[in-house]
C-alpha atoms as a PDB file:
ATOM      1  CA  MET A   1     -51.828  39.164 -94.673  1.00  0.00           C
ATOM      2  CA  ILE A   2     -51.415  42.797 -92.991  1.00  0.00           C
ATOM      3  CA  LYS A   3     -52.555  43.592 -89.414  1.00  0.00           C
ATOM      4  CA  LEU A   4     -52.707  46.798 -87.576  1.00  0.00           C
ATOM      5  CA  HIS A   5     -51.374  46.626 -84.301  1.00  0.00           C
ATOM      6  CA  PRO A   6     -53.968  48.799 -81.732  1.00  0.00           C
ATOM      7  CA  HIS A   7     -51.414  51.641 -81.639  1.00  0.00           C
ATOM      8  CA  ALA A   8     -51.469  51.988 -85.459  1.00  0.00           C
ATOM      9  CA  GLN A   9     -55.266  51.749 -85.751  1.00  0.00           C
ATOM     10  CA  ASP A  10     -55.618  54.414 -83.117  1.00  0.00           C
ATOM     11  CA  ARG A  11     -53.185  56.557 -85.042  1.00  0.00           C
ATOM     12  CA  LEU A  12     -54.801  56.503 -88.693  1.00  0.00           C
ATOM     13  CA  LEU A  13     -57.521  59.150 -88.025  1.00  0.00           C
ATOM     14  CA  GLU A  14     -55.374  61.518 -85.846  1.00  0.00           C
ATOM     15  CA  ARG A  15     -52.715  61.228 -88.902  1.00  0.00           C
ATOM     16  CA  GLY A  16     -55.026  61.016 -91.737  1.00  0.00           C
ATOM     17  CA  ALA A  17     -54.406  57.808 -93.431  1.00  0.00           C
ATOM     18  CA  THR A  18     -56.773  55.075 -94.000  1.00  0.00           C
ATOM     19  CA  THR A  19     -56.393  51.234 -93.799  1.00  0.00           C
ATOM     20  CA  ALA A  20     -56.590  50.603 -97.666  1.00  0.00           C
ATOM     21  CA  GLU A  21     -53.433  53.362 -97.984  1.00  0.00           C
ATOM     22  CA  VAL A  22     -51.524  51.349 -95.053  1.00  0.00           C
ATOM     23  CA  THR A  23     -52.165  48.186 -96.552  1.00  0.00           C
ATOM     24  CA  VAL A  24     -51.057  49.481-100.246  1.00  0.00           C
ATOM     25  CA  THR A  25     -48.445  50.880 -98.717  1.00  0.00           C
ATOM     26  CA  VAL A  26     -46.780  47.696 -96.951  1.00  0.00           C
ATOM     27  CA  GLU A  27     -47.823  45.385-100.357  1.00  0.00           C
ATOM     28  CA  ARG A  28     -46.387  47.962-102.935  1.00  0.00           C
ATOM     29  CA  GLY A  29     -44.350  50.857-101.415  1.00  0.00           C
ATOM     30  CA  GLU A  30     -40.397  50.981-100.965  1.00  0.00           C
ATOM     31  CA  SER A  31     -39.044  48.822 -98.208  1.00  0.00           C
ATOM     32  CA  PHE A  32     -36.234  50.227 -95.780  1.00  0.00           C
ATOM     33  CA  PRO A  33     -34.774  48.957 -92.493  1.00  0.00           C
ATOM     34  CA  ALA A  34     -36.135  51.120 -89.201  1.00  0.00           C
ATOM     35  CA  LYS A  35     -35.306  51.098 -85.594  1.00  0.00           C
ATOM     36  CA  TYR A  36     -35.834  48.258 -83.121  1.00  0.00           C
ATOM     37  CA  GLY A  37     -35.462  45.579 -86.090  1.00  0.00           C
ATOM     38  CA  ARG A  38     -38.440  46.611 -87.991  1.00  0.00           C
ATOM     39  CA  THR A  39     -39.242  47.042 -91.698  1.00  0.00           C
ATOM     40  CA  GLY A  40     -40.380  50.615 -93.311  1.00  0.00           C
ATOM     41  CA  PHE A  41     -42.437  50.848 -96.002  1.00  0.00           C
ATOM     42  CA  ARG A  42     -43.105  54.268 -97.845  1.00  0.00           C
ATOM     43  CA  ARG A  43     -45.568  55.175-100.606  1.00  0.00           C
ATOM     44  CA  ASN A  44     -46.593  58.541-101.777  1.00  0.00           C
ATOM     45  CA  PHE A  45     -50.169  59.385-102.844  1.00  0.00           C
ATOM     46  CA  THR A  46     -51.675  61.946-104.681  1.00  0.00           C
ATOM     47  CA  TYR A  47     -53.900  63.771-102.057  1.00  0.00           C
ATOM     48  CA  ASN A  48     -55.036  67.249-103.862  1.00  0.00           C
ATOM     49  CA  ASN A  49     -56.587  68.133-100.668  1.00  0.00           C
ATOM     50  CA  THR A  50     -56.662  70.208 -97.389  1.00  0.00           C
ATOM     51  CA  TRP A  51     -54.986  69.099 -94.291  1.00  0.00           C
ATOM     52  CA  ARG A  52     -55.384  70.749 -91.115  1.00  0.00           C
ATOM     53  CA  GLY A  53     -55.915  73.974 -92.943  1.00  0.00           C
ATOM     54  CA  LYS A  54     -53.357  73.959 -95.743  1.00  0.00           C
ATOM     55  CA  GLN A  55     -53.641  72.491 -99.459  1.00  0.00           C
ATOM     56  CA  TYR A  56     -51.243  69.506-100.268  1.00  0.00           C
ATOM     57  CA  ALA A  57     -50.805  68.141-103.431  1.00  0.00           C
ATOM     58  CA  THR A  58     -49.056  64.679-101.874  1.00  0.00           C
ATOM     59  CA  LYS A  59     -49.671  62.481 -98.860  1.00  0.00           C
ATOM     60  CA  GLN A  60     -46.986  60.119 -97.969  1.00  0.00           C
ATOM     61  CA  ILE A  61     -47.595  57.044 -95.968  1.00  0.00           C
ATOM     62  CA  GLU A  62     -44.803  55.655 -93.845  1.00  0.00           C
ATOM     63  CA  ALA A  63     -45.824  52.212 -91.896  1.00  0.00           C
ATOM     64  CA  HIS A  64     -43.240  50.521 -89.811  1.00  0.00           C
ATOM     65  CA  ALA A  65     -43.979  46.535 -89.481  1.00  0.00           C
ATOM     66  CA  VAL A  66     -42.537  43.870 -88.102  1.00  0.00           C
ATOM     67  CA  LYS A  67     -42.850  40.299 -89.767  1.00  0.00           C
ATOM     68  CA  GLU A  68     -45.156  37.416 -87.616  1.00  0.00           C
ATOM     69  CA  ASP A  69     -44.830  34.034 -89.607  1.00  0.00           C
ATOM     70  CA  LYS A  70     -46.218  35.105 -92.811  1.00  0.00           C
ATOM     71  CA  ASP A  71     -47.917  38.149 -92.053  1.00  0.00           C
ATOM     72  CA  TRP A  72     -47.094  41.729 -91.358  1.00  0.00           C
ATOM     73  CA  LEU A  73     -48.036  43.401 -88.198  1.00  0.00           C
ATOM     74  CA  VAL A  74     -47.822  47.385 -88.629  1.00  0.00           C
ATOM     75  CA  ILE A  75     -46.902  48.856 -85.337  1.00  0.00           C
ATOM     76  CA  THR A  76     -47.011  52.663 -86.077  1.00  0.00           C
ATOM     77  CA  ILE A  77     -47.402  54.886 -88.907  1.00  0.00           C
ATOM     78  CA  VAL A  78     -46.066  58.323 -90.268  1.00  0.00           C
ATOM     79  CA  THR A  79     -47.954  60.748 -92.497  1.00  0.00           C
ATOM     80  CA  ARG A  80     -46.251  63.461 -94.161  1.00  0.00           C
ATOM     81  CA  TYR A  81     -47.924  66.004 -96.429  1.00  0.00           C
ATOM     82  CA  PHE A  82     -46.481  68.024 -99.066  1.00  0.00           C
END
């Protein structure tokens, strides 16, 4: 199971991500070591849309999470558009 920390939940709207995108990122994205002993997950999504007045083809979601028993707790997310 993938859970979102309140901090990550608060960042979804302001960074243009959805819960579904974060879930797919953790389940099927590339993993990498992150700061503070966390695990990062990264995945690119086809976007072809406008974000803050500019057109972008791709949206990249990066989720930083910690393992809690068998679950992942996503602490924060980063979104990049290109």
